[in-house]
Every structure is written in C-alpha cells, then in structure tokens.
Amino acid sequence: MQKCSHCQQKFTLGQVFKSFWCNYKTILCANCKTQYNHTTKNKTLGGISAALGVIFGSLAWALIELDKSTKIVILLVVTILFTLLFSVFSSYFFTFERVDVKNHA
C-alpha cells in the first residue's frame, strides 16, 4: 500500500477500497490531510477486476445445471463476489498522485 509523500502515513485498505468503489474519490491522508487522486493504472486495474468478475460469473452460468431463475441469482452473486475479491487484491497495486493545492489570492 502506498504512503503519503508528505508524512509517510500508510493508506489503509479501507480508505483505498472505499475511494475505489465511490467512483475513484480523492483520498485524504488520515494524518496530514494531503489529497491524492487515483492514477490511470488504478482505473485500468479496476476495469480488469470488473471484467474478471463477469468472466467468472459467466463460467458459473455455463457450468451449473439448474433452472434459469436460480442460475440468474447465482450469476449475480458469483459476479459480485469475484468482482469484490479481485478489486481487493488489485487495490494493493494501486498508486496515487498528490493533488497540488494552489492558493489564490
């Protein structure tokens, strides 16, 4: 997990995960309140996580022999679980760039 470049406070998994699922919301350092934005790399990893979740959900759909309504529920549950799992894993590889705050007089 990345650290704040100003005070070296480590970002928590909770901060990063919440920021990711809230549309890449800016992260504030818990210690010094420095702001950080997600990089393009994070958005790419997020897209890959979602795609892998859909792929695994589709595999569950194809491999399970049940009635259609049950398969739909399983598809949704498996897709959501795998998307969450992959996004937690990928968040360890996220990088952030510091927001330059300019004072206007």
PDB file of N, CA and C in Angstrom:
ATOM      1  N   MET A   1       0.848  -1.173   0.000  1.00  0.00           N
ATOM      2  CA  MET A   1       0.000   0.000   0.000  1.00  0.00           C
ATOM      3  C   MET A   1       0.897   1.241   0.000  1.00  0.00           C
ATOM      4  N   GLN A   2       0.476   2.249  -0.715  1.00  0.00           N
ATOM      5  CA  GLN A   2       1.255   3.475  -0.852  1.00  0.00           C
ATOM      6  C   GLN A   2       1.214   4.298   0.429  1.00  0.00           C
ATOM      7  N   LYS A   3       2.254   5.105   0.619  1.00  0.00           N
ATOM      8  CA  LYS A   3       2.342   6.011   1.768  1.00  0.00           C
ATOM      9  C   LYS A   3       2.162   7.444   1.296  1.00  0.00           C
ATOM     10  N   CYS A   4       1.766   8.302   2.207  1.00  0.00           N
ATOM     11  CA  CYS A   4       1.675   9.734   1.935  1.00  0.00           C
ATOM     12  C   CYS A   4       3.091  10.268   1.707  1.00  0.00           C
ATOM     13  N   SER A   5       3.263  11.026   0.662  1.00  0.00           N
ATOM     14  CA  SER A   5       4.596  11.564   0.357  1.00  0.00           C
ATOM     15  C   SER A   5       4.977  12.699   1.304  1.00  0.00           C
ATOM     16  N   HIS A   6       4.010  13.224   2.021  1.00  0.00           N
ATOM     17  CA  HIS A   6       4.273  14.342   2.934  1.00  0.00           C
ATOM     18  C   HIS A   6       4.656  13.855   4.328  1.00  0.00           C
ATOM     19  N   CYS A   7       3.896  12.909   4.893  1.00  0.00           N
ATOM     20  CA  CYS A   7       4.132  12.486   6.283  1.00  0.00           C
ATOM     21  C   CYS A   7       4.454  10.995   6.421  1.00  0.00           C
ATOM     22  N   GLN A   8       4.467  10.254   5.329  1.00  0.00           N
ATOM     23  CA  GLN A   8       4.786   8.822   5.299  1.00  0.00           C
ATOM     24  C   GLN A   8       3.734   7.934   5.976  1.00  0.00           C
ATOM     25  N   GLN A   9       2.529   8.461   6.207  1.00  0.00           N
ATOM     26  CA  GLN A   9       1.423   7.662   6.741  1.00  0.00           C
ATOM     27  C   GLN A   9       0.939   6.704   5.654  1.00  0.00           C
ATOM     28  N   LYS A  10       0.800   5.423   5.984  1.00  0.00           N
ATOM     29  CA  LYS A  10       0.357   4.433   5.006  1.00  0.00           C
ATOM     30  C   LYS A  10      -1.156   4.538   4.819  1.00  0.00           C
ATOM     31  N   PHE A  11      -1.608   4.457   3.561  1.00  0.00           N
ATOM     32  CA  PHE A  11      -3.039   4.415   3.292  1.00  0.00           C
ATOM     33  C   PHE A  11      -3.568   3.055   3.739  1.00  0.00           C
ATOM     34  N   THR A  12      -4.770   3.043   4.287  1.00  0.00           N
ATOM     35  CA  THR A  12      -5.357   1.783   4.722  1.00  0.00           C
ATOM     36  C   THR A  12      -6.119   1.141   3.561  1.00  0.00           C
ATOM     37  N   LEU A  13      -6.310  -0.161   3.646  1.00  0.00           N
ATOM     38  CA  LEU A  13      -7.077  -0.874   2.639  1.00  0.00           C
ATOM     39  C   LEU A  13      -8.497  -0.321   2.586  1.00  0.00           C
ATOM     40  N   GLY A  14      -9.048   0.013   3.741  1.00  0.00           N
ATOM     41  CA  GLY A  14     -10.398   0.570   3.799  1.00  0.00           C
ATOM     42  C   GLY A  14     -10.509   1.890   3.053  1.00  0.00           C
ATOM     43  N   GLN A  15      -9.525   2.780   3.244  1.00  0.00           N
ATOM     44  CA  GLN A  15      -9.509   4.070   2.533  1.00  0.00           C
ATOM     45  C   GLN A  15      -9.484   3.844   1.026  1.00  0.00           C
ATOM     46  N   VAL A  16      -8.576   3.003   0.597  1.00  0.00           N
ATOM     47  CA  VAL A  16      -8.379   2.765  -0.832  1.00  0.00           C
ATOM     48  C   VAL A  16      -9.607   2.090  -1.438  1.00  0.00           C
ATOM     49  N   PHE A  17     -10.139   1.073  -0.751  1.00  0.00           N
ATOM     50  CA  PHE A  17     -11.287   0.333  -1.259  1.00  0.00           C
ATOM     51  C   PHE A  17     -12.519   1.232  -1.353  1.00  0.00           C
ATOM     52  N   LYS A  18     -12.757   2.037  -0.321  1.00  0.00           N
ATOM     53  CA  LYS A  18     -13.905   2.952  -0.325  1.00  0.00           C
ATOM     54  C   LYS A  18     -13.762   3.986  -1.438  1.00  0.00           C
ATOM     55  N   SER A  19     -12.574   4.520  -1.595  1.00  0.00           N
ATOM     56  CA  SER A  19     -12.323   5.506  -2.643  1.00  0.00           C
ATOM     57  C   SER A  19     -12.541   4.898  -4.024  1.00  0.00           C
ATOM     58  N   PHE A  20     -12.090   3.668  -4.204  1.00  0.00           N
ATOM     59  CA  PHE A  20     -12.240   2.969  -5.484  1.00  0.00           C
ATOM     60  C   PHE A  20     -13.709   2.771  -5.829  1.00  0.00           C
ATOM     61  N   TRP A  21     -14.505   2.291  -4.879  1.00  0.00           N
ATOM     62  CA  TRP A  21     -15.908   1.993  -5.147  1.00  0.00           C
ATOM     63  C   TRP A  21     -16.795   3.225  -5.110  1.00  0.00           C
ATOM     64  N   CYS A  22     -16.258   4.362  -4.693  1.00  0.00           N
ATOM     65  CA  CYS A  22     -17.005   5.639  -4.738  1.00  0.00           C
ATOM     66  C   CYS A  22     -16.532   6.465  -5.924  1.00  0.00           C
ATOM     67  N   ASN A  23     -16.379   5.797  -7.062  1.00  0.00           N
ATOM     68  CA  ASN A  23     -16.022   6.462  -8.319  1.00  0.00           C
ATOM     69  C   ASN A  23     -14.665   7.166  -8.260  1.00  0.00           C
ATOM     70  N   TYR A  24     -13.681   6.474  -7.721  1.00  0.00           N
ATOM     71  CA  TYR A  24     -12.305   6.979  -7.657  1.00  0.00           C
ATOM     72  C   TYR A  24     -12.229   8.314  -6.925  1.00  0.00           C
ATOM     73  N   LYS A  25     -12.899   8.392  -5.800  1.00  0.00           N
ATOM     74  CA  LYS A  25     -12.920   9.601  -4.974  1.00  0.00           C
ATOM     75  C   LYS A  25     -11.512   9.913  -4.458  1.00  0.00           C
ATOM     76  N   THR A  26     -11.219  11.190  -4.319  1.00  0.00           N
ATOM     77  CA  THR A  26      -9.924  11.630  -3.804  1.00  0.00           C
ATOM     78  C   THR A  26      -9.696  11.072  -2.403  1.00  0.00           C
ATOM     79  N   ILE A  27      -8.471  10.624  -2.141  1.00  0.00           N
ATOM     80  CA  ILE A  27      -8.114  10.104  -0.822  1.00  0.00           C
ATOM     81  C   ILE A  27      -7.440  11.216  -0.031  1.00  0.00           C
ATOM     82  N   LEU A  28      -7.841  11.345   1.231  1.00  0.00           N
ATOM     83  CA  LEU A  28      -7.197  12.276   2.143  1.00  0.00           C
ATOM     84  C   LEU A  28      -6.318  11.487   3.095  1.00  0.00           C
ATOM     85  N   CYS A  29      -5.082  11.922   3.270  1.00  0.00           N
ATOM     86  CA  CYS A  29      -4.205  11.295   4.249  1.00  0.00           C
ATOM     87  C   CYS A  29      -4.836  11.497   5.633  1.00  0.00           C
ATOM     88  N   ALA A  30      -4.944  10.432   6.400  1.00  0.00           N
ATOM     89  CA  ALA A  30      -5.567  10.499   7.720  1.00  0.00           C
ATOM     90  C   ALA A  30      -4.750  11.347   8.687  1.00  0.00           C
ATOM     91  N   ASN A  31      -3.468  11.481   8.428  1.00  0.00           N
ATOM     92  CA  ASN A  31      -2.590  12.204   9.341  1.00  0.00           C
ATOM     93  C   ASN A  31      -2.470  13.686   9.000  1.00  0.00           C
ATOM     94  N   CYS A  32      -2.139  14.022   7.745  1.00  0.00           N
ATOM     95  CA  CYS A  32      -1.837  15.416   7.384  1.00  0.00           C
ATOM     96  C   CYS A  32      -2.856  16.036   6.429  1.00  0.00           C
ATOM     97  N   LYS A  33      -3.860  15.267   6.018  1.00  0.00           N
ATOM     98  CA  LYS A  33      -4.947  15.736   5.133  1.00  0.00           C
ATOM     99  C   LYS A  33      -4.494  16.103   3.728  1.00  0.00           C
ATOM    100  N   THR A  34      -3.342  15.588   3.298  1.00  0.00           N
ATOM    101  CA  THR A  34      -2.899  15.783   1.920  1.00  0.00           C
ATOM    102  C   THR A  34      -3.818  14.977   1.004  1.00  0.00           C
ATOM    103  N   GLN A  35      -4.172  15.548  -0.148  1.00  0.00           N
ATOM    104  CA  GLN A  35      -5.104  14.891  -1.075  1.00  0.00           C
ATOM    105  C   GLN A  35      -4.348  14.125  -2.157  1.00  0.00           C
ATOM    106  N   TYR A  36      -4.929  12.971  -2.514  1.00  0.00           N
ATOM    107  CA  TYR A  36      -4.352  12.130  -3.556  1.00  0.00           C
ATOM    108  C   TYR A  36      -5.445  11.667  -4.511  1.00  0.00           C
ATOM    109  N   ASN A  37      -5.126  11.658  -5.790  1.00  0.00           N
ATOM    110  CA  ASN A  37      -6.038  11.167  -6.824  1.00  0.00           C
ATOM    111  C   ASN A  37      -5.566   9.813  -7.330  1.00  0.00           C
ATOM    112  N   HIS A  38      -6.501   9.041  -7.854  1.00  0.00           N
ATOM    113  CA  HIS A  38      -6.175   7.767  -8.482  1.00  0.00           C
ATOM    114  C   HIS A  38      -5.461   8.027  -9.804  1.00  0.00           C
ATOM    115  N   THR A  39      -4.562   7.122 -10.158  1.00  0.00           N
ATOM    116  CA  THR A  39      -3.880   7.210 -11.446  1.00  0.00           C
ATOM    117  C   THR A  39      -4.644   6.390 -12.484  1.00  0.00           C
ATOM    118  N   THR A  40      -4.244   6.521 -13.719  1.00  0.00           N
ATOM    119  CA  THR A  40      -4.849   5.752 -14.804  1.00  0.00           C
ATOM    120  C   THR A  40      -4.654   4.251 -14.576  1.00  0.00           C
ATOM    121  N   LYS A  41      -3.533   3.890 -13.982  1.00  0.00           N
ATOM    122  CA  LYS A  41      -3.249   2.484 -13.663  1.00  0.00           C
ATOM    123  C   LYS A  41      -4.355   1.902 -12.779  1.00  0.00           C
ATOM    124  N   ASN A  42      -4.818   2.665 -11.789  1.00  0.00           N
ATOM    125  CA  ASN A  42      -5.871   2.192 -10.886  1.00  0.00           C
ATOM    126  C   ASN A  42      -7.169   1.950 -11.644  1.00  0.00           C
ATOM    127  N   LYS A  43      -7.478   2.851 -12.560  1.00  0.00           N
ATOM    128  CA  LYS A  43      -8.713   2.715 -13.332  1.00  0.00           C
ATOM    129  C   LYS A  43      -8.637   1.505 -14.258  1.00  0.00           C
ATOM    130  N   THR A  44      -7.465   1.233 -14.795  1.00  0.00           N
ATOM    131  CA  THR A  44      -7.268   0.051 -15.631  1.00  0.00           C
ATOM    132  C   THR A  44      -7.419  -1.218 -14.797  1.00  0.00           C
ATOM    133  N   LEU A  45      -6.786  -1.242 -13.613  1.00  0.00           N
ATOM    134  CA  LEU A  45      -6.908  -2.402 -12.732  1.00  0.00           C
ATOM    135  C   LEU A  45      -8.355  -2.606 -12.286  1.00  0.00           C
ATOM    136  N   GLY A  46      -9.080  -1.516 -12.060  1.00  0.00           N
ATOM    137  CA  GLY A  46     -10.494  -1.613 -11.701  1.00  0.00           C
ATOM    138  C   GLY A  46     -11.319  -2.224 -12.816  1.00  0.00           C
ATOM    139  N   GLY A  47     -11.044  -1.826 -14.049  1.00  0.00           N
ATOM    140  CA  GLY A  47     -11.743  -2.401 -15.201  1.00  0.00           C
ATOM    141  C   GLY A  47     -11.437  -3.874 -15.368  1.00  0.00           C
ATOM    142  N   ILE A  48     -10.189  -4.245 -15.160  1.00  0.00           N
ATOM    143  CA  ILE A  48      -9.804  -5.652 -15.250  1.00  0.00           C
ATOM    144  C   ILE A  48     -10.495  -6.458 -14.153  1.00  0.00           C
ATOM    145  N   SER A  49     -10.575  -5.904 -12.950  1.00  0.00           N
ATOM    146  CA  SER A  49     -11.265  -6.585 -11.842  1.00  0.00           C
ATOM    147  C   SER A  49     -12.726  -6.845 -12.179  1.00  0.00           C
ATOM    148  N   ALA A  50     -13.389  -5.833 -12.734  1.00  0.00           N
ATOM    149  CA  ALA A  50     -14.800  -5.990 -13.111  1.00  0.00           C
ATOM    150  C   ALA A  50     -14.945  -7.023 -14.222  1.00  0.00           C
ATOM    151  N   ALA A  51     -14.059  -6.981 -15.200  1.00  0.00           N
ATOM    152  CA  ALA A  51     -14.123  -7.941 -16.316  1.00  0.00           C
ATOM    153  C   ALA A  51     -13.905  -9.369 -15.817  1.00  0.00           C
ATOM    154  N   LEU A  52     -12.945  -9.562 -14.921  1.00  0.00           N
ATOM    155  CA  LEU A  52     -12.702 -10.903 -14.385  1.00  0.00           C
ATOM    156  C   LEU A  52     -13.899 -11.395 -13.576  1.00  0.00           C
ATOM    157  N   GLY A  53     -14.542 -10.488 -12.835  1.00  0.00           N
ATOM    158  CA  GLY A  53     -15.749 -10.866 -12.092  1.00  0.00           C
ATOM    159  C   GLY A  53     -16.851 -11.328 -13.019  1.00  0.00           C
ATOM    160  N   VAL A  54     -17.032 -10.633 -14.130  1.00  0.00           N
ATOM    161  CA  VAL A  54     -18.061 -11.018 -15.107  1.00  0.00           C
ATOM    162  C   VAL A  54     -17.697 -12.350 -15.766  1.00  0.00           C
ATOM    163  N   ILE A  55     -16.427 -12.543 -16.070  1.00  0.00           N
ATOM    164  CA  ILE A  55     -15.986 -13.806 -16.688  1.00  0.00           C
ATOM    165  C   ILE A  55     -16.254 -14.981 -15.748  1.00  0.00           C
ATOM    166  N   PHE A  56     -15.898 -14.842 -14.479  1.00  0.00           N
ATOM    167  CA  PHE A  56     -16.127 -15.934 -13.532  1.00  0.00           C
ATOM    168  C   PHE A  56     -17.621 -16.158 -13.293  1.00  0.00           C
ATOM    169  N   GLY A  57     -18.403 -15.083 -13.292  1.00  0.00           N
ATOM    170  CA  GLY A  57     -19.848 -15.227 -13.186  1.00  0.00           C
ATOM    171  C   GLY A  57     -20.414 -15.973 -14.379  1.00  0.00           C
ATOM    172  N   SER A  58     -19.912 -15.672 -15.549  1.00  0.00           N
ATOM    173  CA  SER A  58     -20.362 -16.353 -16.768  1.00  0.00           C
ATOM    174  C   SER A  58     -19.980 -17.827 -16.761  1.00  0.00           C
ATOM    175  N   LEU A  59     -18.810 -18.128 -16.218  1.00  0.00           N
ATOM    176  CA  LEU A  59     -18.409 -19.532 -16.097  1.00  0.00           C
ATOM    177  C   LEU A  59     -19.362 -20.289 -15.182  1.00  0.00           C
ATOM    178  N   ALA A  60     -19.747 -19.637 -14.082  1.00  0.00           N
ATOM    179  CA  ALA A  60     -20.714 -20.271 -13.174  1.00  0.00           C
ATOM    180  C   ALA A  60     -22.022 -20.520 -13.912  1.00  0.00           C
ATOM    181  N   TRP A  61     -22.451 -19.561 -14.722  1.00  0.00           N
ATOM    182  CA  TRP A  61     -23.686 -19.693 -15.506  1.00  0.00           C
ATOM    183  C   TRP A  61     -23.592 -20.904 -16.441  1.00  0.00           C
ATOM    184  N   ALA A  62     -22.451 -21.050 -17.092  1.00  0.00           N
ATOM    185  CA  ALA A  62     -22.288 -22.115 -18.089  1.00  0.00           C
ATOM    186  C   ALA A  62     -22.135 -23.495 -17.448  1.00  0.00           C
ATOM    187  N   LEU A  63     -21.557 -23.553 -16.265  1.00  0.00           N
ATOM    188  CA  LEU A  63     -21.233 -24.853 -15.672  1.00  0.00           C
ATOM    189  C   LEU A  63     -22.319 -25.417 -14.761  1.00  0.00           C
ATOM    190  N   ILE A  64     -23.244 -24.583 -14.329  1.00  0.00           N
ATOM    191  CA  ILE A  64     -24.257 -25.039 -13.382  1.00  0.00           C
ATOM    192  C   ILE A  64     -25.525 -25.435 -14.125  1.00  0.00           C
ATOM    193  N   GLU A  65     -26.029 -26.607 -13.796  1.00  0.00           N
ATOM    194  CA  GLU A  65     -27.243 -27.130 -14.424  1.00  0.00           C
ATOM    195  C   GLU A  65     -28.426 -26.953 -13.472  1.00  0.00           C
ATOM    196  N   LEU A  66     -29.057 -25.801 -13.511  1.00  0.00           N
ATOM    197  CA  LEU A  66     -30.231 -25.519 -12.690  1.00  0.00           C
ATOM    198  C   LEU A  66     -31.253 -24.780 -13.541  1.00  0.00           C
ATOM    199  N   ASP A  67     -32.408 -24.480 -12.937  1.00  0.00           N
ATOM    200  CA  ASP A  67     -33.398 -23.700 -13.684  1.00  0.00           C
ATOM    201  C   ASP A  67     -32.885 -22.276 -13.879  1.00  0.00           C
ATOM    202  N   LYS A  68     -33.448 -21.593 -14.848  1.00  0.00           N
ATOM    203  CA  LYS A  68     -32.932 -20.294 -15.277  1.00  0.00           C
ATOM    204  C   LYS A  68     -32.951 -19.235 -14.165  1.00  0.00           C
ATOM    205  N   SER A  69     -34.008 -19.180 -13.380  1.00  0.00           N
ATOM    206  CA  SER A  69     -34.088 -18.151 -12.338  1.00  0.00           C
ATOM    207  C   SER A  69     -33.022 -18.360 -11.264  1.00  0.00           C
ATOM    208  N   THR A  70     -32.738 -19.590 -10.906  1.00  0.00           N
ATOM    209  CA  THR A  70     -31.682 -19.883  -9.929  1.00  0.00           C
ATOM    210  C   THR A  70     -30.319 -19.545 -10.515  1.00  0.00           C
ATOM    211  N   LYS A  71     -30.137 -19.859 -11.794  1.00  0.00           N
ATOM    212  CA  LYS A  71     -28.859 -19.545 -12.437  1.00  0.00           C
ATOM    213  C   LYS A  71     -28.610 -18.035 -12.473  1.00  0.00           C
ATOM    214  N   ILE A  72     -29.657 -17.245 -12.663  1.00  0.00           N
ATOM    215  CA  ILE A  72     -29.501 -15.791 -12.691  1.00  0.00           C
ATOM    216  C   ILE A  72     -29.040 -15.287 -11.331  1.00  0.00           C
ATOM    217  N   VAL A  73     -29.639 -15.814 -10.274  1.00  0.00           N
ATOM    218  CA  VAL A  73     -29.238 -15.414  -8.923  1.00  0.00           C
ATOM    219  C   VAL A  73     -27.777 -15.806  -8.678  1.00  0.00           C
ATOM    220  N   ILE A  74     -27.415 -17.012  -9.054  1.00  0.00           N
ATOM    221  CA  ILE A  74     -26.033 -17.471  -8.878  1.00  0.00           C
ATOM    222  C   ILE A  74     -25.084 -16.623  -9.712  1.00  0.00           C
ATOM    223  N   LEU A  75     -25.478 -16.290 -10.934  1.00  0.00           N
ATOM    224  CA  LEU A  75     -24.659 -15.433 -11.791  1.00  0.00           C
ATOM    225  C   LEU A  75     -24.387 -14.102 -11.099  1.00  0.00           C
ATOM    226  N   LEU A  76     -25.421 -13.483 -10.569  1.00  0.00           N
ATOM    227  CA  LEU A  76     -25.248 -12.184  -9.904  1.00  0.00           C
ATOM    228  C   LEU A  76     -24.370 -12.290  -8.660  1.00  0.00           C
ATOM    229  N   VAL A  77     -24.622 -13.292  -7.833  1.00  0.00           N
ATOM    230  CA  VAL A  77     -23.852 -13.459  -6.596  1.00  0.00           C
ATOM    231  C   VAL A  77     -22.386 -13.739  -6.904  1.00  0.00           C
ATOM    232  N   VAL A  78     -22.122 -14.663  -7.818  1.00  0.00           N
ATOM    233  CA  VAL A  78     -20.739 -15.022  -8.163  1.00  0.00           C
ATOM    234  C   VAL A  78     -20.029 -13.826  -8.795  1.00  0.00           C
ATOM    235  N   THR A  79     -20.701 -13.117  -9.677  1.00  0.00           N
ATOM    236  CA  THR A  79     -20.095 -11.945 -10.319  1.00  0.00           C
ATOM    237  C   THR A  79     -19.734 -10.891  -9.284  1.00  0.00           C
ATOM    238  N   ILE A  80     -20.651 -10.595  -8.379  1.00  0.00           N
ATOM    239  CA  ILE A  80     -20.378  -9.588  -7.341  1.00  0.00           C
ATOM    240  C   ILE A  80     -19.249 -10.036  -6.431  1.00  0.00           C
ATOM    241  N   LEU A  81     -19.280 -11.278  -5.977  1.00  0.00           N
ATOM    242  CA  LEU A  81     -18.231 -11.764  -5.073  1.00  0.00           C
ATOM    243  C   LEU A  81     -16.848 -11.738  -5.730  1.00  0.00           C
ATOM    244  N   PHE A  82     -16.766 -12.229  -6.967  1.00  0.00           N
ATOM    245  CA  PHE A  82     -15.464 -12.236  -7.628  1.00  0.00           C
ATOM    246  C   PHE A  82     -14.990 -10.827  -7.974  1.00  0.00           C
ATOM    247  N   THR A  83     -15.899  -9.933  -8.324  1.00  0.00           N
ATOM    248  CA  THR A  83     -15.504  -8.552  -8.588  1.00  0.00           C
ATOM    249  C   THR A  83     -14.957  -7.908  -7.323  1.00  0.00           C
ATOM    250  N   LEU A  84     -15.615  -8.121  -6.197  1.00  0.00           N
ATOM    251  CA  LEU A  84     -15.109  -7.594  -4.922  1.00  0.00           C
ATOM    252  C   LEU A  84     -13.760  -8.209  -4.568  1.00  0.00           C
ATOM    253  N   LEU A  85     -13.637  -9.512  -4.742  1.00  0.00           N
ATOM    254  CA  LEU A  85     -12.382 -10.201  -4.438  1.00  0.00           C
ATOM    255  C   LEU A  85     -11.233  -9.668  -5.289  1.00  0.00           C
ATOM    256  N   PHE A  86     -11.460  -9.562  -6.599  1.00  0.00           N
ATOM    257  CA  PHE A  86     -10.402  -9.064  -7.481  1.00  0.00           C
ATOM    258  C   PHE A  86     -10.079  -7.596  -7.202  1.00  0.00           C
ATOM    259  N   SER A  87     -11.081  -6.803  -6.828  1.00  0.00           N
ATOM    260  CA  SER A  87     -10.808  -5.391  -6.554  1.00  0.00           C
ATOM    261  C   SER A  87     -10.022  -5.219  -5.254  1.00  0.00           C
ATOM    262  N   VAL A  88     -10.283  -6.068  -4.255  1.00  0.00           N
ATOM    263  CA  VAL A  88      -9.474  -6.016  -3.026  1.00  0.00           C
ATOM    264  C   VAL A  88      -8.036  -6.378  -3.348  1.00  0.00           C
ATOM    265  N   PHE A  89      -7.842  -7.441  -4.115  1.00  0.00           N
ATOM    266  CA  PHE A  89      -6.490  -7.864  -4.495  1.00  0.00           C
ATOM    267  C   PHE A  89      -5.777  -6.781  -5.310  1.00  0.00           C
ATOM    268  N   SER A  90      -6.476  -6.200  -6.278  1.00  0.00           N
ATOM    269  CA  SER A  90      -5.828  -5.205  -7.144  1.00  0.00           C
ATOM    270  C   SER A  90      -5.529  -3.911  -6.410  1.00  0.00           C
ATOM    271  N   SER A  91      -6.265  -3.617  -5.337  1.00  0.00           N
ATOM    272  CA  SER A  91      -6.037  -2.359  -4.618  1.00  0.00           C
ATOM    273  C   SER A  91      -4.648  -2.308  -3.982  1.00  0.00           C
ATOM    274  N   TYR A  92      -4.019  -3.452  -3.747  1.00  0.00           N
ATOM    275  CA  TYR A  92      -2.656  -3.467  -3.227  1.00  0.00           C
ATOM    276  C   TYR A  92      -1.652  -2.936  -4.254  1.00  0.00           C
ATOM    277  N   PHE A  93      -2.043  -2.882  -5.511  1.00  0.00           N
ATOM    278  CA  PHE A  93      -1.153  -2.412  -6.571  1.00  0.00           C
ATOM    279  C   PHE A  93      -1.489  -0.993  -7.029  1.00  0.00           C
ATOM    280  N   PHE A  94      -2.462  -0.364  -6.380  1.00  0.00           N
ATOM    281  CA  PHE A  94      -2.864   0.989  -6.756  1.00  0.00           C
ATOM    282  C   PHE A  94      -1.762   1.991  -6.423  1.00  0.00           C
ATOM    283  N   THR A  95      -1.693   3.025  -7.254  1.00  0.00           N
ATOM    284  CA  THR A  95      -0.792   4.144  -6.987  1.00  0.00           C
ATOM    285  C   THR A  95      -1.613   5.428  -7.047  1.00  0.00           C
ATOM    286  N   PHE A  96      -1.136   6.428  -6.327  1.00  0.00           N
ATOM    287  CA  PHE A  96      -1.863   7.694  -6.238  1.00  0.00           C
ATOM    288  C   PHE A  96      -0.911   8.845  -6.511  1.00  0.00           C
ATOM    289  N   GLU A  97      -1.470   9.917  -7.057  1.00  0.00           N
ATOM    290  CA  GLU A  97      -0.655  11.107  -7.284  1.00  0.00           C
ATOM    291  C   GLU A  97      -1.184  12.228  -6.400  1.00  0.00           C
ATOM    292  N   ARG A  98      -0.252  12.935  -5.839  1.00  0.00           N
ATOM    293  CA  ARG A  98      -0.584  14.017  -4.920  1.00  0.00           C
ATOM    294  C   ARG A  98      -1.254  15.168  -5.675  1.00  0.00           C
ATOM    295  N   VAL A  99      -2.297  15.738  -5.078  1.00  0.00           N
ATOM    296  CA  VAL A  99      -3.005  16.866  -5.662  1.00  0.00           C
ATOM    297  C   VAL A  99      -2.287  18.137  -5.214  1.00  0.00           C
ATOM    298  N   ASP A 100      -1.906  18.955  -6.181  1.00  0.00           N
ATOM    299  CA  ASP A 100      -1.275  20.227  -5.847  1.00  0.00           C
ATOM    300  C   ASP A 100      -2.373  21.251  -5.592  1.00  0.00           C
ATOM    301  N   VAL A 101      -2.434  21.727  -4.358  1.00  0.00           N
ATOM    302  CA  VAL A 101      -3.421  22.729  -3.985  1.00  0.00           C
ATOM    303  C   VAL A 101      -2.753  24.085  -4.092  1.00  0.00           C
ATOM    304  N   LYS A 102      -3.332  24.946  -4.945  1.00  0.00           N
ATOM    305  CA  LYS A 102      -2.748  26.269  -5.161  1.00  0.00           C
ATOM    306  C   LYS A 102      -3.597  27.303  -4.437  1.00  0.00           C
ATOM    307  N   ASN A 103      -2.923  28.185  -3.730  1.00  0.00           N
ATOM    308  CA  ASN A 103      -3.622  29.265  -3.036  1.00  0.00           C
ATOM    309  C   ASN A 103      -3.797  30.433  -3.980  1.00  0.00           C
ATOM    310  N   HIS A 104      -5.027  30.853  -4.153  1.00  0.00           N
ATOM    311  CA  HIS A 104      -5.328  32.005  -4.993  1.00  0.00           C
ATOM    312  C   HIS A 104      -5.638  33.191  -4.100  1.00  0.00           C
ATOM    313  N   ALA A 105      -4.953  34.306  -4.347  1.00  0.00           N
ATOM    314  CA  ALA A 105      -5.158  35.486  -3.512  1.00  0.00           C
ATOM    315  C   ALA A 105      -6.189  36.405  -4.121  1.00  0.00           C
TER     316      ALA A 105
END
